[in-house]
PDB file of N, CA and C in Angstrom:
ATOM      1  N   TRP A   1     -39.533 -63.291  28.269  1.00  0.00           N
ATOM      2  CA  TRP A   1     -40.390 -63.559  29.587  1.00  0.00           C
ATOM      3  C   TRP A   1     -40.413 -62.414  30.206  1.00  0.00           C
ATOM      4  N   CYS A   2     -40.627 -61.056  29.247  1.00  0.00           N
ATOM      5  CA  CYS A   2     -41.063 -59.774  29.811  1.00  0.00           C
ATOM      6  C   CYS A   2     -42.384 -59.449  29.843  1.00  0.00           C
ATOM      7  N   GLU A   3     -42.961 -58.603  30.673  1.00  0.00           N
ATOM      8  CA  GLU A   3     -44.244 -58.038  30.752  1.00  0.00           C
ATOM      9  C   GLU A   3     -44.114 -56.305  30.531  1.00  0.00           C
ATOM     10  N   ILE A   4     -44.839 -55.659  29.657  1.00  0.00           N
ATOM     11  CA  ILE A   4     -44.873 -54.534  29.371  1.00  0.00           C
ATOM     12  C   ILE A   4     -45.499 -53.554  30.466  1.00  0.00           C
ATOM     13  N   HIS A   5     -44.709 -52.659  31.131  1.00  0.00           N
ATOM     14  CA  HIS A   5     -45.182 -51.693  32.031  1.00  0.00           C
ATOM     15  C   HIS A   5     -45.722 -50.335  31.569  1.00  0.00           C
ATOM     16  N   HIS A   6     -46.632 -49.931  32.093  1.00  0.00           N
ATOM     17  CA  HIS A   6     -46.940 -48.436  31.421  1.00  0.00           C
ATOM     18  C   HIS A   6     -46.011 -47.587  32.517  1.00  0.00           C
ATOM     19  N   VAL A   7     -45.374 -46.765  31.754  1.00  0.00           N
ATOM     20  CA  VAL A   7     -44.774 -45.741  32.777  1.00  0.00           C
ATOM     21  C   VAL A   7     -45.572 -44.825  33.160  1.00  0.00           C
ATOM     22  N   THR A   8     -46.527 -44.208  32.498  1.00  0.00           N
ATOM     23  CA  THR A   8     -47.610 -43.450  33.133  1.00  0.00           C
ATOM     24  C   THR A   8     -48.720 -44.399  32.967  1.00  0.00           C
ATOM     25  N   GLY A   9     -49.206 -44.711  34.125  1.00  0.00           N
ATOM     26  CA  GLY A   9     -50.334 -45.746  34.265  1.00  0.00           C
ATOM     27  C   GLY A   9     -51.476 -45.304  33.272  1.00  0.00           C
ATOM     28  N   HIS A  10     -52.122 -46.327  32.738  1.00  0.00           N
ATOM     29  CA  HIS A  10     -53.293 -46.463  31.727  1.00  0.00           C
ATOM     30  C   HIS A  10     -54.489 -45.856  32.422  1.00  0.00           C
ATOM     31  N   ALA A  11     -54.807 -45.984  33.812  1.00  0.00           N
ATOM     32  CA  ALA A  11     -55.751 -45.532  34.464  1.00  0.00           C
ATOM     33  C   ALA A  11     -55.264 -43.847  34.637  1.00  0.00           C
ATOM     34  N   GLU A  12     -54.037 -43.343  34.669  1.00  0.00           N
ATOM     35  CA  GLU A  12     -54.005 -41.832  34.734  1.00  0.00           C
ATOM     36  C   GLU A  12     -53.793 -41.200  33.430  1.00  0.00           C
ATOM     37  N   GLY A  13     -54.231 -41.938  32.418  1.00  0.00           N
ATOM     38  CA  GLY A  13     -54.265 -41.277  30.936  1.00  0.00           C
ATOM     39  C   GLY A  13     -53.158 -41.747  30.277  1.00  0.00           C
ATOM     40  N   GLY A  14     -52.120 -42.417  30.709  1.00  0.00           N
ATOM     41  CA  GLY A  14     -51.102 -42.878  30.181  1.00  0.00           C
ATOM     42  C   GLY A  14     -51.465 -43.754  28.610  1.00  0.00           C
ATOM     43  N   PRO A  15     -50.816 -43.198  27.474  1.00  0.00           N
ATOM     44  CA  PRO A  15     -50.886 -44.202  26.254  1.00  0.00           C
ATOM     45  C   PRO A  15     -50.479 -45.412  26.498  1.00  0.00           C
ATOM     46  N   THR A  16     -51.138 -46.298  25.555  1.00  0.00           N
ATOM     47  CA  THR A  16     -50.665 -47.602  25.187  1.00  0.00           C
ATOM     48  C   THR A  16     -49.633 -47.430  24.017  1.00  0.00           C
ATOM     49  N   HIS A  17     -48.407 -47.198  24.407  1.00  0.00           N
ATOM     50  CA  HIS A  17     -47.503 -47.007  22.906  1.00  0.00           C
ATOM     51  C   HIS A  17     -46.258 -47.277  23.605  1.00  0.00           C
ATOM     52  N   THR A  18     -45.326 -47.297  22.490  1.00  0.00           N
ATOM     53  CA  THR A  18     -43.944 -47.894  23.015  1.00  0.00           C
ATOM     54  C   THR A  18     -43.261 -46.752  23.729  1.00  0.00           C
ATOM     55  N   ASP A  19     -43.595 -45.564  23.380  1.00  0.00           N
ATOM     56  CA  ASP A  19     -42.854 -44.325  24.093  1.00  0.00           C
ATOM     57  C   ASP A  19     -43.299 -44.141  25.583  1.00  0.00           C
ATOM     58  N   ASN A  20     -44.419 -45.028  26.074  1.00  0.00           N
ATOM     59  CA  ASN A  20     -44.581 -44.761  27.317  1.00  0.00           C
ATOM     60  C   ASN A  20     -44.576 -46.476  28.134  1.00  0.00           C
ATOM     61  N   GLY A  21     -43.808 -47.228  27.499  1.00  0.00           N
ATOM     62  CA  GLY A  21     -43.684 -48.569  27.887  1.00  0.00           C
ATOM     63  C   GLY A  21     -42.347 -49.227  28.287  1.00  0.00           C
ATOM     64  N   VAL A  22     -42.063 -49.829  29.246  1.00  0.00           N
ATOM     65  CA  VAL A  22     -40.618 -50.599  29.328  1.00  0.00           C
ATOM     66  C   VAL A  22     -40.983 -51.981  29.621  1.00  0.00           C
ATOM     67  N   LEU A  23     -40.074 -52.694  29.431  1.00  0.00           N
ATOM     68  CA  LEU A  23     -40.108 -54.227  29.527  1.00  0.00           C
ATOM     69  C   LEU A  23     -39.573 -54.655  31.146  1.00  0.00           C
ATOM     70  N   LEU A  24     -40.468 -55.437  31.783  1.00  0.00           N
ATOM     71  CA  LEU A  24     -39.889 -55.745  32.964  1.00  0.00           C
ATOM     72  C   LEU A  24     -40.305 -57.434  33.338  1.00  0.00           C
ATOM     73  N   CYS A  25     -39.531 -57.957  34.000  1.00  0.00           N
ATOM     74  CA  CYS A  25     -40.153 -59.396  34.467  1.00  0.00           C
ATOM     75  C   CYS A  25     -41.172 -59.430  35.244  1.00  0.00           C
ATOM     76  N   TRP A  26     -41.851 -60.550  35.353  1.00  0.00           N
ATOM     77  CA  TRP A  26     -43.082 -60.636  36.107  1.00  0.00           C
ATOM     78  C   TRP A  26     -42.949 -60.125  37.478  1.00  0.00           C
ATOM     79  N   TYR A  27     -42.039 -60.672  38.147  1.00  0.00           N
ATOM     80  CA  TYR A  27     -41.690 -60.041  39.579  1.00  0.00           C
ATOM     81  C   TYR A  27     -41.538 -58.507  39.519  1.00  0.00           C
ATOM     82  N   HIS A  28     -40.670 -58.150  38.792  1.00  0.00           N
ATOM     83  CA  HIS A  28     -40.474 -56.730  38.917  1.00  0.00           C
ATOM     84  C   HIS A  28     -41.780 -55.745  38.359  1.00  0.00           C
ATOM     85  N   HIS A  29     -42.414 -56.384  37.721  1.00  0.00           N
ATOM     86  CA  HIS A  29     -43.660 -55.443  37.349  1.00  0.00           C
ATOM     87  C   HIS A  29     -44.493 -55.570  38.153  1.00  0.00           C
ATOM     88  N   ARG A  30     -44.591 -56.427  39.384  1.00  0.00           N
ATOM     89  CA  ARG A  30     -45.397 -56.140  40.329  1.00  0.00           C
ATOM     90  C   ARG A  30     -44.925 -55.619  41.541  1.00  0.00           C
ATOM     91  N   PHE A  31     -43.478 -55.398  41.704  1.00  0.00           N
ATOM     92  CA  PHE A  31     -42.665 -54.881  42.567  1.00  0.00           C
ATOM     93  C   PHE A  31     -42.480 -53.399  42.646  1.00  0.00           C
ATOM     94  N   VAL A  32     -42.667 -52.927  41.452  1.00  0.00           N
ATOM     95  CA  VAL A  32     -42.269 -51.425  40.984  1.00  0.00           C
ATOM     96  C   VAL A  32     -43.028 -50.466  41.482  1.00  0.00           C
ATOM     97  N   ASP A  33     -44.703 -50.989  41.676  1.00  0.00           N
ATOM     98  CA  ASP A  33     -45.393 -49.872  42.185  1.00  0.00           C
ATOM     99  C   ASP A  33     -45.648 -50.091  43.287  1.00  0.00           C
ATOM    100  N   ARG A  34     -45.158 -51.092  44.095  1.00  0.00           N
ATOM    101  CA  ARG A  34     -45.530 -51.334  45.474  1.00  0.00           C
ATOM    102  C   ARG A  34     -44.749 -50.818  46.517  1.00  0.00           C
ATOM    103  N   ASN A  35     -43.389 -50.768  46.241  1.00  0.00           N
ATOM    104  CA  ASN A  35     -42.346 -50.645  47.128  1.00  0.00           C
ATOM    105  C   ASN A  35     -41.655 -49.298  46.782  1.00  0.00           C
ATOM    106  N   GLY A  36     -42.199 -48.082  46.417  1.00  0.00           N
ATOM    107  CA  GLY A  36     -41.678 -47.003  46.202  1.00  0.00           C
ATOM    108  C   GLY A  36     -40.888 -46.677  45.286  1.00  0.00           C
ATOM    109  N   TRP A  37     -40.673 -47.675  44.232  1.00  0.00           N
ATOM    110  CA  TRP A  37     -39.767 -47.238  42.924  1.00  0.00           C
ATOM    111  C   TRP A  37     -40.617 -46.562  42.067  1.00  0.00           C
ATOM    112  N   SER A  38     -39.907 -45.486  41.368  1.00  0.00           N
ATOM    113  CA  SER A  38     -40.554 -44.985  40.160  1.00  0.00           C
ATOM    114  C   SER A  38     -40.087 -44.802  38.941  1.00  0.00           C
ATOM    115  N   ILE A  39     -40.599 -44.951  37.937  1.00  0.00           N
ATOM    116  CA  ILE A  39     -39.962 -45.196  36.697  1.00  0.00           C
ATOM    117  C   ILE A  39     -40.302 -43.856  35.563  1.00  0.00           C
ATOM    118  N   ARG A  40     -39.689 -43.224  35.020  1.00  0.00           N
ATOM    119  CA  ARG A  40     -40.096 -42.113  34.113  1.00  0.00           C
ATOM    120  C   ARG A  40     -39.389 -42.276  32.812  1.00  0.00           C
ATOM    121  N   MET A  41     -39.913 -41.261  31.577  1.00  0.00           N
ATOM    122  CA  MET A  41     -39.023 -41.503  30.412  1.00  0.00           C
ATOM    123  C   MET A  41     -38.477 -40.291  30.369  1.00  0.00           C
ATOM    124  N   ASN A  42     -37.207 -39.932  30.047  1.00  0.00           N
ATOM    125  CA  ASN A  42     -36.610 -38.741  29.783  1.00  0.00           C
ATOM    126  C   ASN A  42     -36.120 -38.900  28.290  1.00  0.00           C
ATOM    127  N   ARG A  43     -36.712 -38.354  27.453  1.00  0.00           N
ATOM    128  CA  ARG A  43     -36.218 -38.338  25.867  1.00  0.00           C
ATOM    129  C   ARG A  43     -35.995 -39.543  25.575  1.00  0.00           C
ATOM    130  N   GLY A  44     -37.241 -40.580  26.017  1.00  0.00           N
ATOM    131  CA  GLY A  44     -37.192 -42.074  25.226  1.00  0.00           C
ATOM    132  C   GLY A  44     -36.223 -42.863  25.944  1.00  0.00           C
ATOM    133  N   VAL A  45     -35.482 -42.366  27.141  1.00  0.00           N
ATOM    134  CA  VAL A  45     -34.750 -43.289  27.740  1.00  0.00           C
ATOM    135  C   VAL A  45     -35.571 -43.502  29.079  1.00  0.00           C
ATOM    136  N   PRO A  46     -35.766 -44.426  29.443  1.00  0.00           N
ATOM    137  CA  PRO A  46     -36.104 -44.733  30.603  1.00  0.00           C
ATOM    138  C   PRO A  46     -35.483 -44.650  32.068  1.00  0.00           C
ATOM    139  N   GLU A  47     -35.859 -44.020  33.031  1.00  0.00           N
ATOM    140  CA  GLU A  47     -35.219 -43.749  34.201  1.00  0.00           C
ATOM    141  C   GLU A  47     -35.761 -44.493  35.428  1.00  0.00           C
ATOM    142  N   VAL A  48     -35.157 -44.594  36.408  1.00  0.00           N
ATOM    143  CA  VAL A  48     -35.603 -45.103  37.581  1.00  0.00           C
ATOM    144  C   VAL A  48     -35.147 -44.559  38.877  1.00  0.00           C
ATOM    145  N   ARG A  49     -35.930 -44.105  39.971  1.00  0.00           N
ATOM    146  CA  ARG A  49     -35.663 -43.786  41.139  1.00  0.00           C
ATOM    147  C   ARG A  49     -35.859 -44.736  42.335  1.00  0.00           C
ATOM    148  N   ALA A  50     -35.007 -45.062  43.141  1.00  0.00           N
ATOM    149  CA  ALA A  50     -35.196 -45.938  43.974  1.00  0.00           C
ATOM    150  C   ALA A  50     -35.911 -45.138  45.268  1.00  0.00           C
ATOM    151  N   PRO A  51     -36.685 -45.827  46.405  1.00  0.00           N
ATOM    152  CA  PRO A  51     -37.333 -45.227  47.425  1.00  0.00           C
ATOM    153  C   PRO A  51     -36.287 -44.656  48.235  1.00  0.00           C
ATOM    154  N   SER A  52     -36.670 -43.597  49.330  1.00  0.00           N
ATOM    155  CA  SER A  52     -35.607 -43.180  50.058  1.00  0.00           C
ATOM    156  C   SER A  52     -34.542 -44.086  51.000  1.00  0.00           C
ATOM    157  N   TRP A  53     -35.120 -45.146  51.409  1.00  0.00           N
ATOM    158  CA  TRP A  53     -34.689 -46.166  52.455  1.00  0.00           C
ATOM    159  C   TRP A  53     -33.517 -46.715  51.325  1.00  0.00           C
ATOM    160  N   ILE A  54     -33.484 -46.664  50.043  1.00  0.00           N
ATOM    161  CA  ILE A  54     -32.237 -47.438  49.456  1.00  0.00           C
ATOM    162  C   ILE A  54     -31.433 -45.816  48.906  1.00  0.00           C
ATOM    163  N   ASP A  55     -31.962 -44.960  48.247  1.00  0.00           N
ATOM    164  CA  ASP A  55     -31.040 -43.948  47.937  1.00  0.00           C
ATOM    165  C   ASP A  55     -31.691 -42.592  48.513  1.00  0.00           C
ATOM    166  N   ALA A  56     -30.993 -42.279  49.817  1.00  0.00           N
ATOM    167  CA  ALA A  56     -31.256 -41.043  50.435  1.00  0.00           C
ATOM    168  C   ALA A  56     -31.751 -39.633  49.343  1.00  0.00           C
ATOM    169  N   ARG A  57     -30.864 -39.843  48.585  1.00  0.00           N
ATOM    170  CA  ARG A  57     -30.818 -38.508  47.605  1.00  0.00           C
ATOM    171  C   ARG A  57     -31.927 -38.919  46.477  1.00  0.00           C
ATOM    172  N   MET A  58     -32.387 -39.983  46.416  1.00  0.00           N
ATOM    173  CA  MET A  58     -33.483 -40.506  45.297  1.00  0.00           C
ATOM    174  C   MET A  58     -33.130 -39.854  43.885  1.00  0.00           C
ATOM    175  N   LEU A  59     -32.056 -40.005  43.483  1.00  0.00           N
ATOM    176  CA  LEU A  59     -31.625 -39.620  42.079  1.00  0.00           C
ATOM    177  C   LEU A  59     -32.280 -40.477  41.033  1.00  0.00           C
ATOM    178  N   TRP A  60     -32.664 -40.002  40.009  1.00  0.00           N
ATOM    179  CA  TRP A  60     -33.032 -40.539  38.555  1.00  0.00           C
ATOM    180  C   TRP A  60     -31.989 -40.943  38.067  1.00  0.00           C
ATOM    181  N   ARG A  61     -32.083 -42.380  37.595  1.00  0.00           N
ATOM    182  CA  ARG A  61     -30.834 -43.093  36.931  1.00  0.00           C
ATOM    183  C   ARG A  61     -31.183 -43.482  35.620  1.00  0.00           C
ATOM    184  N   PRO A  62     -30.391 -43.275  34.569  1.00  0.00           N
ATOM    185  CA  PRO A  62     -31.144 -44.095  33.206  1.00  0.00           C
ATOM    186  C   PRO A  62     -30.586 -45.564  33.258  1.00  0.00           C
ATOM    187  N   VAL A  63     -31.265 -46.356  32.817  1.00  0.00           N
ATOM    188  CA  VAL A  63     -31.385 -47.869  33.050  1.00  0.00           C
ATOM    189  C   VAL A  63     -31.190 -48.360  31.773  1.00  0.00           C
ATOM    190  N   THR A  64     -30.758 -47.699  30.817  1.00  0.00           N
ATOM    191  CA  THR A  64     -30.287 -48.325  29.164  1.00  0.00           C
ATOM    192  C   THR A  64     -28.850 -48.228  29.300  1.00  0.00           C
ATOM    193  N   ARG A  65     -28.208 -49.538  28.557  1.00  0.00           N
ATOM    194  CA  ARG A  65     -26.966 -49.159  28.482  1.00  0.00           C
ATOM    195  C   ARG A  65     -26.838 -49.285  26.771  1.00  0.00           C
ATOM    196  N   SER A  66     -28.027 -48.914  26.338  1.00  0.00           N
ATOM    197  CA  SER A  66     -28.003 -48.836  24.390  1.00  0.00           C
ATOM    198  C   SER A  66     -26.846 -47.802  24.204  1.00  0.00           C
ATOM    199  N   PRO A  67     -25.853 -48.160  23.329  1.00  0.00           N
ATOM    200  CA  PRO A  67     -24.755 -47.456  23.027  1.00  0.00           C
ATOM    201  C   PRO A  67     -25.452 -46.185  22.118  1.00  0.00           C
ATOM    202  N   THR A  68     -26.355 -46.474  21.346  1.00  0.00           N
ATOM    203  CA  THR A  68     -27.212 -45.455  20.553  1.00  0.00           C
ATOM    204  C   THR A  68     -27.753 -44.535  21.114  1.00  0.00           C
ATOM    205  N   ARG A  69     -28.631 -44.794  22.246  1.00  0.00           N
ATOM    206  CA  ARG A  69     -29.208 -44.188  23.174  1.00  0.00           C
ATOM    207  C   ARG A  69     -28.203 -43.218  23.912  1.00  0.00           C
ATOM    208  N   LEU A  70     -27.004 -43.871  24.471  1.00  0.00           N
ATOM    209  CA  LEU A  70     -26.112 -43.204  25.357  1.00  0.00           C
ATOM    210  C   LEU A  70     -25.327 -42.101  24.481  1.00  0.00           C
ATOM    211  N   ARG A  71     -24.882 -42.639  23.387  1.00  0.00           N
ATOM    212  CA  ARG A  71     -24.317 -41.479  22.488  1.00  0.00           C
ATOM    213  C   ARG A  71     -25.057 -40.341  22.061  1.00  0.00           C
ATOM    214  N   ASP A  72     -26.594 -40.616  21.930  1.00  0.00           N
ATOM    215  CA  ASP A  72     -27.222 -39.391  21.480  1.00  0.00           C
ATOM    216  C   ASP A  72     -27.444 -38.546  22.727  1.00  0.00           C
ATOM    217  N   ARG A  73     -27.633 -39.207  23.988  1.00  0.00           N
ATOM    218  CA  ARG A  73     -27.640 -38.297  25.095  1.00  0.00           C
ATOM    219  C   ARG A  73     -26.179 -37.564  25.216  1.00  0.00           C
ATOM    220  N   VAL A  74     -25.380 -37.721  25.133  1.00  0.00           N
ATOM    221  CA  VAL A  74     -24.012 -37.217  25.143  1.00  0.00           C
ATOM    222  C   VAL A  74     -23.784 -35.915  24.225  1.00  0.00           C
ATOM    223  N   VAL A  75     -24.260 -36.297  23.015  1.00  0.00           N
ATOM    224  CA  VAL A  75     -24.342 -35.372  21.693  1.00  0.00           C
ATOM    225  C   VAL A  75     -25.231 -34.250  22.299  1.00  0.00           C
ATOM    226  N   ARG A  76     -26.322 -34.671  22.713  1.00  0.00           N
ATOM    227  CA  ARG A  76     -27.354 -33.343  23.153  1.00  0.00           C
ATOM    228  C   ARG A  76     -26.921 -32.590  24.208  1.00  0.00           C
ATOM    229  N   GLN A  77     -25.736 -32.805  25.296  1.00  0.00           N
ATOM    230  CA  GLN A  77     -25.334 -32.254  26.242  1.00  0.00           C
ATOM    231  C   GLN A  77     -24.179 -31.440  25.831  1.00  0.00           C
ATOM    232  N   THR A  78     -23.958 -31.342  24.787  1.00  0.00           N
ATOM    233  CA  THR A  78     -22.785 -30.938  24.288  1.00  0.00           C
ATOM    234  C   THR A  78     -23.150 -29.457  23.350  1.00  0.00           C
TER     235      THR A  78
END
């Protein structure tokens, strides 16, 4: 029961491609753009940033728990 969300909007030139999409439920698909949340892709891993009224530092946080993607990220950092 998910919908595909363009990380970079189609209207802004974002491609319709798996590298530019994340799966969101119906509610969050409509919620994300209207309430100050941001999503970006960082080396194929989606990251989310909460609005300042939730996180004053507005840190980007990875949203995957995929062991493969997390292991690849650790390897790249060493």
